[in-house]
Amino acid sequence: MIVIGAGQAGLACSHELTRHRIEHVVLERGRIAESWRSKRWDSFTLVTPNWMTQLPGWKYLGDEPEGFMPRIELIELLETYAKSFDSPIREGVEVLEITKDESGFVLKTSNGIQYCNYVVIATATYQKPRIPSIASNFPTDINQIHASDYRNSNALPLGATMVVGSGQSGCQIAEEVMKSGRKVYLATGLAGRLPRRYRGKDGIAWQNILGYLDRTPEMLQSPAMRFRGDPHLTGQDGGRTLSLHRFLEQGMTLVGRLKEIRGRELLFSDDLTENISFADKYEVKFCAEVDAYIDRNKLMVPLPDLLNSDLGGSSQVSTPVHIGKINLDESQIRTVIWATGFDFDFNWVKMQCLDSQGYPLQKRGVTNVPGLYFLGLNWLYKRKSGILFGITEDAEYIGQHIAENIQIVPDGASS
């Protein structure tokens, strides 16, 4: 059988298949952990604490369980993990198309045609950077890059930088560029803010305790909520809350949604106050839920400390003045970083297993096409499915499902 992708999902699957003694090969178009290598900026760290970094057969046992793993360490971890069970990985092989005929699956790859009876697609949810069509209206002398292509502020042209998108990545990049001494403009949208620490625990640890990470897609108000951006947060400097309020205090210029480009002028919606308020309310609601849980369970934890906490939130600052228009020359903006997320792309899967939007139809990773599985998708089974903390549960389930069904393959084949 074939596993597509050698990120954490593909490696977790390979571990489980190895444990069940199922012969397989992992095809990776780049290198092990390629997305962590080439689609993250240099100083990137995980936003989940180290103790939440888990894989089948492996848990963090280091000296900093509440720390946040840098990108390089995570890459090294995944490489070491793959070697620990001799994962059969073939790097530099891209799968271009998958079809199925009477004899099984047919994979058209950059290294020729391959055949198998079972396939696990472990390429995660997001494969294609999303850049709005409005980007084509920028003057040609303005440097434009997607967040996935940002590496560090030194690689940017001299001048001010505009970051479009105030989700988790957008805020992290905007802060880093600002700290380098550059003038930064941040075009905001609706995104929440999560406290890094609250009442003695990490904010994501509270999310786990409250059951946030075990929610299933059926519990969401709409399927589209599976693709919402993550709330403001960072693992930099030991982990901190990111706050639009603090950005303003530190000199960053915040504006509303970028709505139009006219020559060398950028026009923005009058929604900055709404966007800041949304982040505030998100954090307030979350903290209230934590407080209620603590009260119900009579937990002995620290009281809220608004003066010395890491909330980063609703400090009393004046409402920012709406800036409806910015001139590229007067502002000296030379770079635009699109922190506008990613789109999924499964058009290369030529089978009746995608919905009308082209997204995989599956239940706990099992599709209606016998022998075809998905792993590592956002909300594949639970909220935590797309992160390191949740991959073990999903990989174990799929490994067991394959092990129980592989016996029915004709002639005892298990490829």
Protein backbone atom coordinates (compact mmCIF):
# COMPACT_ATOMS: atom_id res chain seq x y z
CA MET A 1 0.00 0.00 0.00
CA ILE A 2 1.02 3.64 -0.43
CA VAL A 3 0.97 6.59 1.97
CA ILE A 4 1.16 10.02 0.34
CA GLY A 5 3.03 12.63 2.37
CA ALA A 6 5.84 12.44 4.94
CA GLY A 7 4.72 15.09 7.37
CA GLN A 8 3.50 14.20 10.85
CA ALA A 9 0.33 12.57 9.48
CA GLY A 10 2.12 10.38 6.95
CA LEU A 11 4.79 9.38 9.46
CA ALA A 12 2.18 8.58 12.11
CA CYS A 13 0.36 6.40 9.60
CA SER A 14 3.61 4.70 8.59
CA HIS A 15 4.32 3.94 12.25
CA GLU A 16 0.96 2.25 12.68
CA LEU A 17 1.25 0.28 9.47
CA THR A 18 4.71 -0.86 10.57
CA ARG A 19 3.30 -1.87 13.94
CA HIS A 20 0.65 -3.96 12.19
CA ARG A 21 3.34 -5.42 9.89
CA ILE A 22 1.65 -4.07 6.78
CA GLU A 23 4.02 -3.57 3.87
CA HIS A 24 3.87 -0.04 2.53
CA VAL A 25 5.82 2.86 1.06
CA VAL A 26 5.57 6.59 1.84
CA LEU A 27 5.81 8.92 -1.15
CA GLU A 28 6.94 12.49 -0.42
CA ARG A 29 7.31 15.08 -3.16
CA GLY A 30 9.91 16.99 -1.15
CA ARG A 31 11.70 15.92 2.00
CA ILE A 32 10.49 14.66 5.35
CA ALA A 33 8.51 17.47 7.03
CA GLU A 34 8.71 19.54 3.84
CA SER A 35 6.00 22.01 4.83
CA TRP A 36 7.78 22.76 8.10
CA ARG A 37 11.00 23.27 6.14
CA SER A 38 9.85 25.46 3.28
CA LYS A 39 6.45 26.93 4.22
CA ARG A 40 7.31 28.49 7.59
CA TRP A 41 9.44 31.51 8.45
CA ASP A 42 12.84 31.09 10.06
CA SER A 43 11.88 31.93 13.65
CA PHE A 44 8.61 29.98 13.60
CA THR A 45 7.71 28.03 16.73
CA LEU A 46 4.77 25.81 17.54
CA VAL A 47 1.98 27.54 19.46
CA THR A 48 1.08 24.36 21.33
CA PRO A 49 3.19 23.55 24.43
CA ASN A 50 5.85 20.86 24.04
CA TRP A 51 3.86 18.34 26.10
CA MET A 52 1.20 18.42 23.36
CA THR A 53 3.73 17.32 20.74
CA GLN A 54 2.81 13.66 20.45
CA LEU A 55 3.11 10.93 17.82
CA PRO A 56 2.25 7.22 17.90
CA GLY A 57 4.83 5.59 20.16
CA TRP A 58 6.41 8.93 21.10
CA LYS A 59 5.69 11.68 23.64
CA TYR A 60 7.68 14.69 24.74
CA LEU A 61 9.75 13.85 27.83
CA GLY A 62 12.13 16.79 27.75
CA ASP A 63 12.93 19.43 30.34
CA GLU A 64 10.58 22.12 28.97
CA PRO A 65 7.06 20.66 28.76
CA GLU A 66 5.57 24.18 28.83
CA GLY A 67 7.99 25.48 26.21
CA PHE A 68 7.34 25.89 22.49
CA MET A 69 9.33 23.92 19.95
CA PRO A 70 11.18 25.87 17.24
CA ARG A 71 10.72 24.84 13.63
CA ILE A 72 14.22 23.37 13.30
CA GLU A 73 13.78 21.16 16.37
CA LEU A 74 10.47 19.87 15.05
CA ILE A 75 12.05 18.96 11.72
CA GLU A 76 14.82 17.10 13.53
CA LEU A 77 12.24 15.36 15.69
CA LEU A 78 10.27 14.12 12.67
CA GLU A 79 13.44 12.93 10.95
CA THR A 80 14.52 11.02 14.06
CA TYR A 81 11.02 9.62 14.48
CA ALA A 82 11.01 8.27 10.91
CA LYS A 83 14.38 6.60 11.46
CA SER A 84 13.25 5.04 14.75
CA PHE A 85 11.02 2.53 12.95
CA ASP A 86 12.77 2.67 9.56
CA SER A 87 9.86 4.27 7.75
CA PRO A 88 10.04 3.31 4.03
CA ILE A 89 10.07 6.85 2.64
CA ARG A 90 10.81 7.77 -0.96
CA GLU A 91 11.59 11.47 -1.11
CA GLY A 92 11.30 13.53 -4.26
CA VAL A 93 8.32 11.58 -5.64
CA GLU A 94 5.22 13.66 -6.33
CA VAL A 95 1.85 12.05 -6.88
CA LEU A 96 0.21 13.83 -9.80
CA GLU A 97 -3.01 11.85 -10.12
CA ILE A 98 -4.86 8.95 -8.51
CA THR A 99 -7.46 6.83 -10.25
CA LYS A 100 -8.93 3.43 -9.59
CA ASP A 101 -9.74 0.59 -11.95
CA GLU A 102 -10.78 -3.03 -11.47
CA SER A 103 -7.30 -4.05 -10.38
CA GLY A 104 -6.84 -1.31 -7.76
CA PHE A 105 -5.42 2.18 -7.47
CA VAL A 106 -3.28 3.71 -10.19
CA LEU A 107 -0.93 6.50 -9.12
CA LYS A 108 0.64 8.71 -11.74
CA THR A 109 3.82 10.05 -10.14
CA SER A 110 6.86 12.07 -11.12
CA ASN A 111 8.70 8.75 -11.02
CA GLY A 112 6.30 6.77 -13.21
CA ILE A 113 3.12 4.78 -12.64
CA GLN A 114 2.62 2.90 -9.37
CA TYR A 115 -0.12 0.44 -8.43
CA CYS A 116 -1.53 -0.58 -5.06
CA ASN A 117 -4.69 -1.78 -3.32
CA TYR A 118 -4.67 0.72 -0.46
CA VAL A 119 -3.88 4.45 -0.35
CA VAL A 120 -3.69 6.86 2.59
CA ILE A 121 -3.63 10.52 1.53
CA ALA A 122 -1.80 12.35 4.31
CA THR A 123 -1.12 15.69 2.63
CA ALA A 124 -3.05 17.73 5.24
CA THR A 125 -5.82 20.21 4.49
CA TYR A 126 -4.07 23.16 2.94
CA GLN A 127 -1.92 22.80 -0.16
CA LYS A 128 -2.30 26.07 -2.08
CA PRO A 129 -1.56 29.60 -0.81
CA ARG A 130 -4.63 31.83 -1.05
CA ILE A 131 -4.00 35.28 -2.50
CA PRO A 132 -7.06 37.46 -3.22
CA SER A 133 -7.64 38.58 -6.80
CA ILE A 134 -7.26 42.19 -5.64
CA ALA A 135 -3.50 41.52 -5.47
CA SER A 136 -3.28 41.95 -9.25
CA ASN A 137 -4.24 45.62 -8.84
CA PHE A 138 -1.08 46.53 -6.95
CA PRO A 139 1.53 48.53 -8.87
CA THR A 140 4.28 46.30 -10.23
CA ASP A 141 7.00 47.94 -8.10
CA ILE A 142 5.39 46.65 -4.89
CA ASN A 143 6.90 43.39 -3.65
CA GLN A 144 4.15 40.87 -2.89
CA ILE A 145 4.63 37.53 -1.12
CA HIS A 146 2.39 35.04 0.62
CA ALA A 147 3.02 34.35 4.31
CA SER A 148 4.28 30.88 3.36
CA ASP A 149 7.12 32.53 1.42
CA TYR A 150 8.13 34.94 4.19
CA ARG A 151 11.43 33.93 5.84
CA ASN A 152 12.68 36.93 7.83
CA SER A 153 12.52 40.71 7.79
CA ASN A 154 16.07 41.05 6.41
CA ALA A 155 14.92 39.44 3.17
CA LEU A 156 12.36 42.20 2.57
CA PRO A 157 13.07 45.31 0.50
CA LEU A 158 13.76 48.50 2.43
CA GLY A 159 10.68 50.46 3.40
CA ALA A 160 7.43 49.87 5.23
CA THR A 161 5.53 46.58 5.13
CA MET A 162 1.82 45.90 4.99
CA VAL A 163 0.55 42.57 6.31
CA VAL A 164 -2.91 41.68 5.05
CA GLY A 165 -4.73 39.35 7.43
CA SER A 166 -4.75 39.41 11.23
CA GLY A 167 -5.10 35.73 12.02
CA GLN A 168 -2.43 33.90 13.97
CA SER A 169 0.25 33.90 11.24
CA GLY A 170 -0.47 37.47 10.17
CA CYS A 171 -0.08 38.80 13.70
CA GLN A 172 3.09 36.79 14.31
CA ILE A 173 4.71 38.04 11.12
CA ALA A 174 3.56 41.64 11.65
CA GLU A 175 5.06 41.63 15.15
CA GLU A 176 8.38 40.20 13.95
CA VAL A 177 8.70 42.75 11.14
CA MET A 178 7.79 45.60 13.52
CA LYS A 179 10.43 44.45 16.05
CA SER A 180 13.04 44.62 13.29
CA GLY A 181 12.53 48.38 13.23
CA ARG A 182 10.36 48.64 10.14
CA LYS A 183 7.08 50.51 9.93
CA VAL A 184 4.24 47.98 9.74
CA TYR A 185 0.64 48.35 8.61
CA LEU A 186 -1.75 45.53 9.50
CA ALA A 187 -5.00 45.12 7.56
CA THR A 188 -7.27 43.37 10.04
CA GLY A 189 -10.19 40.97 9.85
CA LEU A 190 -12.30 38.98 12.27
CA ALA A 191 -10.04 36.76 14.37
CA GLY A 192 -10.14 35.78 18.01
CA ARG A 193 -7.51 36.22 20.71
CA LEU A 194 -6.55 33.46 23.12
CA PRO A 195 -4.67 34.12 26.39
CA ARG A 196 -1.30 32.43 26.43
CA ARG A 197 -1.71 31.74 30.14
CA TYR A 198 -4.74 32.15 32.35
CA ARG A 199 -5.26 31.10 35.93
CA GLY A 200 -2.17 28.97 36.06
CA LYS A 201 -2.42 27.09 32.76
CA ASP A 202 -1.68 27.60 29.10
CA GLY A 203 -4.68 28.77 27.09
CA ILE A 204 -4.55 25.72 24.81
CA ALA A 205 -4.32 23.45 27.84
CA TRP A 206 -7.59 25.00 29.03
CA GLN A 207 -9.03 24.44 25.56
CA ASN A 208 -8.19 20.77 25.93
CA ILE A 209 -9.67 20.55 29.42
CA LEU A 210 -12.88 22.27 28.28
CA GLY A 211 -13.25 19.82 25.41
CA TYR A 212 -12.59 22.32 22.62
CA LEU A 213 -10.07 20.00 20.97
CA ASP A 214 -12.43 17.01 21.09
CA ARG A 215 -15.29 18.75 19.32
CA THR A 216 -16.43 17.05 16.11
CA PRO A 217 -17.54 18.73 12.85
CA GLU A 218 -21.19 17.98 13.64
CA MET A 219 -20.94 20.33 16.61
CA LEU A 220 -20.10 23.34 14.44
CA GLN A 221 -22.67 25.88 13.28
CA SER A 222 -21.62 25.37 9.67
CA PRO A 223 -19.04 23.26 7.76
CA ALA A 224 -17.21 26.46 6.79
CA MET A 225 -16.14 26.94 10.40
CA ARG A 226 -13.65 24.08 9.91
CA PHE A 227 -11.49 26.50 7.95
CA ARG A 228 -11.52 29.52 10.27
CA GLY A 229 -8.19 31.11 11.11
CA ASP A 230 -6.63 30.37 14.48
CA PRO A 231 -6.78 33.00 17.26
CA HIS A 232 -3.93 35.40 18.02
CA LEU A 233 -1.18 33.59 19.89
CA THR A 234 2.56 32.94 19.67
CA GLY A 235 5.15 30.55 21.07
CA GLN A 236 7.93 33.14 20.69
CA ASP A 237 9.92 34.23 23.76
CA GLY A 238 8.52 31.43 25.88
CA GLY A 239 4.99 32.03 24.63
CA ARG A 240 2.91 35.21 24.67
CA THR A 241 -0.55 36.50 23.94
CA LEU A 242 -0.71 38.64 20.81
CA SER A 243 -2.96 41.66 21.13
CA LEU A 244 -4.10 44.23 18.60
CA HIS A 245 -4.26 46.69 21.51
CA ARG A 246 -0.57 46.19 22.22
CA PHE A 247 0.29 46.48 18.55
CA LEU A 248 -1.30 49.93 18.56
CA GLU A 249 0.57 50.92 21.72
CA GLN A 250 3.86 49.76 20.15
CA GLY A 251 3.39 51.89 17.04
CA MET A 252 1.91 49.51 14.49
CA THR A 253 -0.72 51.08 12.24
CA LEU A 254 -3.94 49.07 12.16
CA VAL A 255 -6.54 49.44 9.46
CA GLY A 256 -9.71 47.63 8.47
CA ARG A 257 -10.14 45.14 5.67
CA LEU A 258 -8.36 45.99 2.42
CA LYS A 259 -11.21 46.47 -0.03
CA GLU A 260 -9.87 48.30 -3.06
CA ILE A 261 -6.71 49.52 -4.82
CA ARG A 262 -6.87 52.66 -6.95
CA GLY A 263 -3.59 53.38 -8.60
CA ARG A 264 -1.22 53.99 -5.70
CA GLU A 265 -3.92 54.35 -3.07
CA LEU A 266 -5.24 51.59 -0.82
CA LEU A 267 -8.81 51.81 0.46
CA PHE A 268 -9.97 50.13 3.65
CA SER A 269 -13.31 49.21 5.20
CA ASP A 270 -14.47 51.01 8.33
CA ASP A 271 -14.43 47.83 10.44
CA LEU A 272 -11.27 48.14 12.54
CA THR A 273 -13.18 48.81 15.76
CA GLU A 274 -15.40 45.82 15.04
CA ASN A 275 -12.39 43.59 14.41
CA ILE A 276 -10.68 44.63 17.65
CA SER A 277 -13.92 44.18 19.57
CA PHE A 278 -14.32 40.68 18.12
CA ALA A 279 -10.90 39.66 19.45
CA ASP A 280 -11.71 41.15 22.87
CA LYS A 281 -15.05 39.38 23.11
CA TYR A 282 -13.51 36.07 22.05
CA GLU A 283 -11.03 36.22 24.92
CA VAL A 284 -13.59 37.42 27.46
CA LYS A 285 -15.95 34.58 26.54
CA PHE A 286 -13.17 32.02 26.74
CA CYS A 287 -11.98 33.23 30.15
CA ALA A 288 -15.57 33.18 31.44
CA GLU A 289 -15.87 29.54 30.38
CA VAL A 290 -12.63 28.71 32.18
CA ASP A 291 -13.87 30.53 35.30
CA ALA A 292 -17.15 28.62 35.21
CA TYR A 293 -15.34 25.30 34.85
CA ILE A 294 -13.09 26.14 37.80
CA ASP A 295 -16.08 27.08 39.94
CA ARG A 296 -18.06 23.96 39.03
CA ASN A 297 -15.17 21.69 39.84
CA LYS A 298 -13.96 23.71 42.86
CA LEU A 299 -10.40 23.77 41.55
CA MET A 300 -7.61 25.37 43.56
CA VAL A 301 -5.99 27.61 40.94
CA PRO A 302 -4.71 31.20 40.92
CA LEU A 303 -7.27 34.00 40.77
CA PRO A 304 -7.40 36.16 37.65
CA ASP A 305 -4.70 38.82 37.81
CA LEU A 306 -5.51 41.53 35.32
CA LEU A 307 -2.46 43.62 36.19
CA ASN A 308 0.19 40.93 35.90
CA SER A 309 -1.46 38.36 33.68
CA ASP A 310 -0.49 37.54 30.12
CA LEU A 311 -3.96 38.36 28.85
CA GLY A 312 -2.77 41.08 26.54
CA GLY A 313 -6.36 41.94 25.99
CA SER A 314 -8.76 44.63 26.91
CA SER A 315 -6.39 47.28 28.20
CA GLN A 316 -8.19 50.60 28.22
CA VAL A 317 -6.95 52.31 25.09
CA SER A 318 -8.68 54.89 22.98
CA THR A 319 -10.64 53.68 19.99
CA PRO A 320 -8.32 53.80 16.97
CA VAL A 321 -9.06 56.39 14.35
CA HIS A 322 -10.39 54.90 11.13
CA ILE A 323 -7.91 55.23 8.28
CA GLY A 324 -9.82 54.86 5.06
CA LYS A 325 -7.01 55.49 2.62
CA ILE A 326 -3.23 55.03 2.47
CA ASN A 327 -0.96 56.28 -0.29
CA LEU A 328 1.80 53.82 -1.14
CA ASP A 329 4.35 56.56 -1.75
CA GLU A 330 3.57 58.68 1.31
CA SER A 331 3.58 55.59 3.56
CA GLN A 332 6.71 54.18 1.84
CA ILE A 333 5.09 50.73 1.72
CA ARG A 334 7.30 48.55 -0.45
CA THR A 335 6.16 45.06 0.56
CA VAL A 336 2.77 43.41 0.99
CA ILE A 337 2.61 40.08 2.84
CA TRP A 338 -0.59 38.16 2.22
CA ALA A 339 -1.45 36.33 5.44
CA THR A 340 -4.73 35.25 3.93
CA GLY A 341 -4.57 31.52 4.47
CA PHE A 342 -4.56 28.53 2.17
CA ASP A 343 -6.96 26.60 -0.03
CA PHE A 344 -7.20 22.85 -0.30
CA ASP A 345 -6.59 21.18 -3.65
CA PHE A 346 -7.61 17.56 -4.15
CA ASN A 347 -8.32 17.83 -7.87
CA TRP A 348 -5.63 15.21 -8.47
CA VAL A 349 -7.80 12.61 -6.69
CA LYS A 350 -9.92 11.38 -9.62
CA MET A 351 -12.55 9.43 -7.72
CA GLN A 352 -16.04 9.99 -6.37
CA CYS A 353 -14.87 10.87 -2.86
CA LEU A 354 -15.04 14.67 -2.90
CA ASP A 355 -17.98 16.95 -2.11
CA SER A 356 -19.25 19.76 -4.34
CA GLN A 357 -16.48 22.03 -3.04
CA GLY A 358 -13.78 19.47 -3.80
CA TYR A 359 -13.22 18.52 -0.15
CA PRO A 360 -12.85 14.85 0.90
CA LEU A 361 -15.96 12.98 1.98
CA GLN A 362 -14.89 10.70 4.82
CA LYS A 363 -15.78 9.41 8.25
CA ARG A 364 -12.82 9.25 10.60
CA GLY A 365 -10.62 9.19 7.51
CA VAL A 366 -12.45 6.30 5.84
CA THR A 367 -13.97 7.13 2.44
CA ASN A 368 -16.72 5.46 0.43
CA VAL A 369 -14.02 4.21 -1.97
CA PRO A 370 -12.80 0.89 -0.55
CA GLY A 371 -9.12 1.10 0.31
CA LEU A 372 -8.90 4.91 0.18
CA TYR A 373 -8.21 6.89 3.37
CA PHE A 374 -7.40 10.46 4.41
CA LEU A 375 -5.33 11.50 7.42
CA GLY A 376 -4.20 14.82 8.87
CA LEU A 377 -7.16 16.88 7.64
CA ASN A 378 -8.39 19.79 9.71
CA TRP A 379 -11.40 18.47 11.68
CA LEU A 380 -10.99 15.01 10.09
CA TYR A 381 -12.59 13.53 13.22
CA LYS A 382 -12.06 16.13 15.94
CA ARG A 383 -10.74 19.66 16.21
CA LYS A 384 -7.33 18.27 17.20
CA SER A 385 -7.08 16.05 14.11
CA GLY A 386 -4.99 18.54 12.19
CA ILE A 387 -2.42 19.18 14.91
CA LEU A 388 0.36 17.09 16.44
CA PHE A 389 -1.66 16.56 19.61
CA GLY A 390 -4.40 14.70 17.75
CA ILE A 391 -2.61 12.73 15.07
CA THR A 392 -2.01 9.63 17.22
CA GLU A 393 -5.69 8.94 17.79
CA ASP A 394 -6.54 9.24 14.09
CA ALA A 395 -3.51 7.25 12.88
CA GLU A 396 -4.23 4.41 15.30
CA TYR A 397 -7.84 4.24 14.12
CA ILE A 398 -6.94 4.13 10.44
CA GLY A 399 -4.12 1.65 11.02
CA GLN A 400 -6.49 -0.65 12.87
CA HIS A 401 -9.17 -0.25 10.18
CA ILE A 402 -6.72 -1.23 7.45
CA ALA A 403 -5.35 -4.14 9.48
CA GLU A 404 -8.87 -5.51 9.98
CA ASN A 405 -9.85 -5.18 6.33
CA ILE A 406 -6.66 -5.97 4.47
CA GLN A 407 -7.29 -9.71 4.77
CA ILE A 408 -10.14 -9.49 2.27
CA VAL A 409 -7.82 -8.40 -0.54
CA PRO A 410 -7.70 -11.15 -3.23
CA ASP A 411 -4.71 -13.51 -3.12
CA GLY A 412 -3.64 -12.13 0.25
CA ALA A 413 -1.98 -9.11 -1.35
CA SER A 414 -1.31 -6.23 1.04
CA SER A 415 0.26 -3.65 -1.22
